[in-house]
Amino acid sequence: MQEITASELKAKLDAGEDIQLIDVRQPDEHSFAHIVGAKLIPLGEVIARMGEIDPTRETVVHCKMGGRSARAIEALQQRGFAGSLSNLVGGITAWSNDVDPSIPKY
């Protein structure tokens, strides 16, 4: 499984790369703390909503720490999703620690 660190993702976003960011946490988690521009598709809905993920764009999937996003990527790949999927190592917690400390931790 491809992985990306929070710092690497920030560099790509700052460089203007076309990154599709998918948040697989629950709506209450997303409303409490989120990365601007991330699309919320909870893990339990990711297969049913697979059509909302553009396979032509580089996609980074994240959760709180990286476990649910890894499961989401595995499920998408098993269902034949052909696009590029990377797991954000450490999830939004790493983003808060390494990139944007204004994002609250929980």
C-alpha atoms as a PDB file:
ATOM      1  CA  MET A   1       0.000   0.000   0.000  1.00  0.00           C
ATOM      2  CA  GLN A   2       1.275   3.436  -0.925  1.00  0.00           C
ATOM      3  CA  GLU A   3       1.774   5.813   1.976  1.00  0.00           C
ATOM      4  CA  ILE A   4       2.391   9.546   2.260  1.00  0.00           C
ATOM      5  CA  THR A   5       3.454  11.576   5.274  1.00  0.00           C
ATOM      6  CA  ALA A   6       1.684  14.735   6.376  1.00  0.00           C
ATOM      7  CA  SER A   7       4.734  16.808   5.391  1.00  0.00           C
ATOM      8  CA  GLU A   8       4.877  15.201   1.934  1.00  0.00           C
ATOM      9  CA  LEU A   9       1.153  15.847   1.416  1.00  0.00           C
ATOM     10  CA  LYS A  10       1.535  19.474   2.499  1.00  0.00           C
ATOM     11  CA  ALA A  11       4.397  19.947   0.018  1.00  0.00           C
ATOM     12  CA  LYS A  12       2.289  18.510  -2.814  1.00  0.00           C
ATOM     13  CA  LEU A  13      -0.669  20.727  -1.923  1.00  0.00           C
ATOM     14  CA  ASP A  14       1.578  23.799  -1.644  1.00  0.00           C
ATOM     15  CA  ALA A  15       3.017  22.972  -5.081  1.00  0.00           C
ATOM     16  CA  GLY A  16      -0.504  23.050  -6.527  1.00  0.00           C
ATOM     17  CA  GLU A  17      -0.714  19.336  -7.290  1.00  0.00           C
ATOM     18  CA  ASP A  18      -4.227  18.057  -7.922  1.00  0.00           C
ATOM     19  CA  ILE A  19      -4.761  15.923  -4.812  1.00  0.00           C
ATOM     20  CA  GLN A  20      -8.144  14.443  -3.957  1.00  0.00           C
ATOM     21  CA  LEU A  21      -8.355  14.067  -0.172  1.00  0.00           C
ATOM     22  CA  ILE A  22     -10.869  11.559   1.219  1.00  0.00           C
ATOM     23  CA  ASP A  23     -11.687  11.513   4.947  1.00  0.00           C
ATOM     24  CA  VAL A  24     -13.131   8.141   6.046  1.00  0.00           C
ATOM     25  CA  ARG A  25     -13.888   9.141   9.644  1.00  0.00           C
ATOM     26  CA  GLN A  26     -17.378   9.691  11.050  1.00  0.00           C
ATOM     27  CA  PRO A  27     -19.276  12.980  10.511  1.00  0.00           C
ATOM     28  CA  ASP A  28     -18.831  14.071  14.153  1.00  0.00           C
ATOM     29  CA  GLU A  29     -15.060  13.554  13.902  1.00  0.00           C
ATOM     30  CA  HIS A  30     -14.935  15.494  10.629  1.00  0.00           C
ATOM     31  CA  SER A  31     -16.934  18.400  12.064  1.00  0.00           C
ATOM     32  CA  PHE A  32     -14.620  18.588  15.104  1.00  0.00           C
ATOM     33  CA  ALA A  33     -11.349  18.501  13.134  1.00  0.00           C
ATOM     34  CA  HIS A  34     -10.758  18.322   9.386  1.00  0.00           C
ATOM     35  CA  ILE A  35      -8.292  19.172   6.669  1.00  0.00           C
ATOM     36  CA  VAL A  36      -9.675  21.921   4.442  1.00  0.00           C
ATOM     37  CA  GLY A  37     -10.820  20.482   1.128  1.00  0.00           C
ATOM     38  CA  ALA A  38     -11.195  16.894   2.329  1.00  0.00           C
ATOM     39  CA  LYS A  39     -14.321  15.063   1.177  1.00  0.00           C
ATOM     40  CA  LEU A  40     -16.054  13.062   3.897  1.00  0.00           C
ATOM     41  CA  ILE A  41     -16.934   9.490   2.924  1.00  0.00           C
ATOM     42  CA  PRO A  42     -17.200   7.429   6.140  1.00  0.00           C
ATOM     43  CA  LEU A  43     -15.528   4.018   6.019  1.00  0.00           C
ATOM     44  CA  GLY A  44     -18.867   2.201   6.116  1.00  0.00           C
ATOM     45  CA  GLU A  45     -19.998   4.052   2.987  1.00  0.00           C
ATOM     46  CA  VAL A  46     -16.786   4.004   0.963  1.00  0.00           C
ATOM     47  CA  ILE A  47     -17.741   1.086  -1.323  1.00  0.00           C
ATOM     48  CA  ALA A  48     -21.275   2.362  -1.967  1.00  0.00           C
ATOM     49  CA  ARG A  49     -19.874   5.832  -2.725  1.00  0.00           C
ATOM     50  CA  MET A  50     -16.830   4.685  -4.707  1.00  0.00           C
ATOM     51  CA  GLY A  51     -18.217   6.499  -7.763  1.00  0.00           C
ATOM     52  CA  GLU A  52     -17.612   9.823  -5.983  1.00  0.00           C
ATOM     53  CA  ILE A  53     -13.848   9.217  -6.025  1.00  0.00           C
ATOM     54  CA  ASP A  54     -12.248  10.295  -9.298  1.00  0.00           C
ATOM     55  CA  PRO A  55      -9.842   7.538 -10.429  1.00  0.00           C
ATOM     56  CA  THR A  56      -7.969   9.978 -12.697  1.00  0.00           C
ATOM     57  CA  ARG A  57      -6.762  12.076  -9.740  1.00  0.00           C
ATOM     58  CA  GLU A  58      -4.134  11.241  -7.148  1.00  0.00           C
ATOM     59  CA  THR A  59      -6.079  10.326  -4.009  1.00  0.00           C
ATOM     60  CA  VAL A  60      -4.953  10.479  -0.389  1.00  0.00           C
ATOM     61  CA  VAL A  61      -7.192   8.720   2.126  1.00  0.00           C
ATOM     62  CA  HIS A  62      -7.058   9.632   5.800  1.00  0.00           C
ATOM     63  CA  CYS A  63      -8.677   8.939   9.159  1.00  0.00           C
ATOM     64  CA  LYS A  64      -7.557   9.706  12.716  1.00  0.00           C
ATOM     65  CA  MET A  65      -4.395   7.558  12.862  1.00  0.00           C
ATOM     66  CA  GLY A  66      -4.212   5.560   9.597  1.00  0.00           C
ATOM     67  CA  GLY A  67      -6.008   2.283  10.362  1.00  0.00           C
ATOM     68  CA  ARG A  68      -9.452   2.977   8.912  1.00  0.00           C
ATOM     69  CA  SER A  69      -7.981   4.644   5.860  1.00  0.00           C
ATOM     70  CA  ALA A  70      -5.827   1.564   5.226  1.00  0.00           C
ATOM     71  CA  ARG A  71      -8.965  -0.613   5.412  1.00  0.00           C
ATOM     72  CA  ALA A  72     -10.762   1.755   3.036  1.00  0.00           C
ATOM     73  CA  ILE A  73      -7.920   1.535   0.508  1.00  0.00           C
ATOM     74  CA  GLU A  74      -7.871  -2.271   0.723  1.00  0.00           C
ATOM     75  CA  ALA A  75     -11.653  -2.407   0.194  1.00  0.00           C
ATOM     76  CA  LEU A  76     -11.503  -0.042  -2.784  1.00  0.00           C
ATOM     77  CA  GLN A  77      -8.672  -1.990  -4.398  1.00  0.00           C
ATOM     78  CA  GLN A  78     -10.518  -5.293  -3.859  1.00  0.00           C
ATOM     79  CA  ARG A  79     -13.541  -3.787  -5.624  1.00  0.00           C
ATOM     80  CA  GLY A  80     -11.403  -2.849  -8.620  1.00  0.00           C
ATOM     81  CA  PHE A  81     -10.814   0.874  -8.027  1.00  0.00           C
ATOM     82  CA  ALA A  82      -8.128   1.675 -10.583  1.00  0.00           C
ATOM     83  CA  GLY A  83      -6.914   5.046  -9.361  1.00  0.00           C
ATOM     84  CA  SER A  84      -3.851   5.946  -7.303  1.00  0.00           C
ATOM     85  CA  LEU A  85      -4.559   5.627  -3.565  1.00  0.00           C
ATOM     86  CA  SER A  86      -2.186   6.640  -0.764  1.00  0.00           C
ATOM     87  CA  ASN A  87      -2.691   6.320   2.973  1.00  0.00           C
ATOM     88  CA  LEU A  88      -1.872   9.379   5.100  1.00  0.00           C
ATOM     89  CA  VAL A  89       0.545   7.973   7.684  1.00  0.00           C
ATOM     90  CA  GLY A  90      -0.666   8.900  11.166  1.00  0.00           C
ATOM     91  CA  GLY A  91      -3.880  10.421   9.813  1.00  0.00           C
ATOM     92  CA  ILE A  92      -5.209  13.788  10.906  1.00  0.00           C
ATOM     93  CA  THR A  93      -3.246  13.433  14.146  1.00  0.00           C
ATOM     94  CA  ALA A  94       0.007  13.568  12.150  1.00  0.00           C
ATOM     95  CA  TRP A  95      -1.380  16.487  10.125  1.00  0.00           C
ATOM     96  CA  SER A  96      -2.047  18.371  13.380  1.00  0.00           C
ATOM     97  CA  ASN A  97       1.382  17.463  14.812  1.00  0.00           C
ATOM     98  CA  ASP A  98       3.488  18.125  11.702  1.00  0.00           C
ATOM     99  CA  VAL A  99       1.593  20.613   9.528  1.00  0.00           C
ATOM    100  CA  ASP A 100      -1.253  22.505  11.204  1.00  0.00           C
ATOM    101  CA  PRO A 101      -1.244  22.620  15.017  1.00  0.00           C
ATOM    102  CA  SER A 102      -4.482  24.647  14.961  1.00  0.00           C
ATOM    103  CA  ILE A 103      -6.364  21.428  14.148  1.00  0.00           C
ATOM    104  CA  PRO A 104      -7.573  20.017  17.472  1.00  0.00           C
ATOM    105  CA  LYS A 105      -6.556  16.546  18.583  1.00  0.00           C
ATOM    106  CA  TYR A 106      -9.039  14.103  20.075  1.00  0.00           C
END
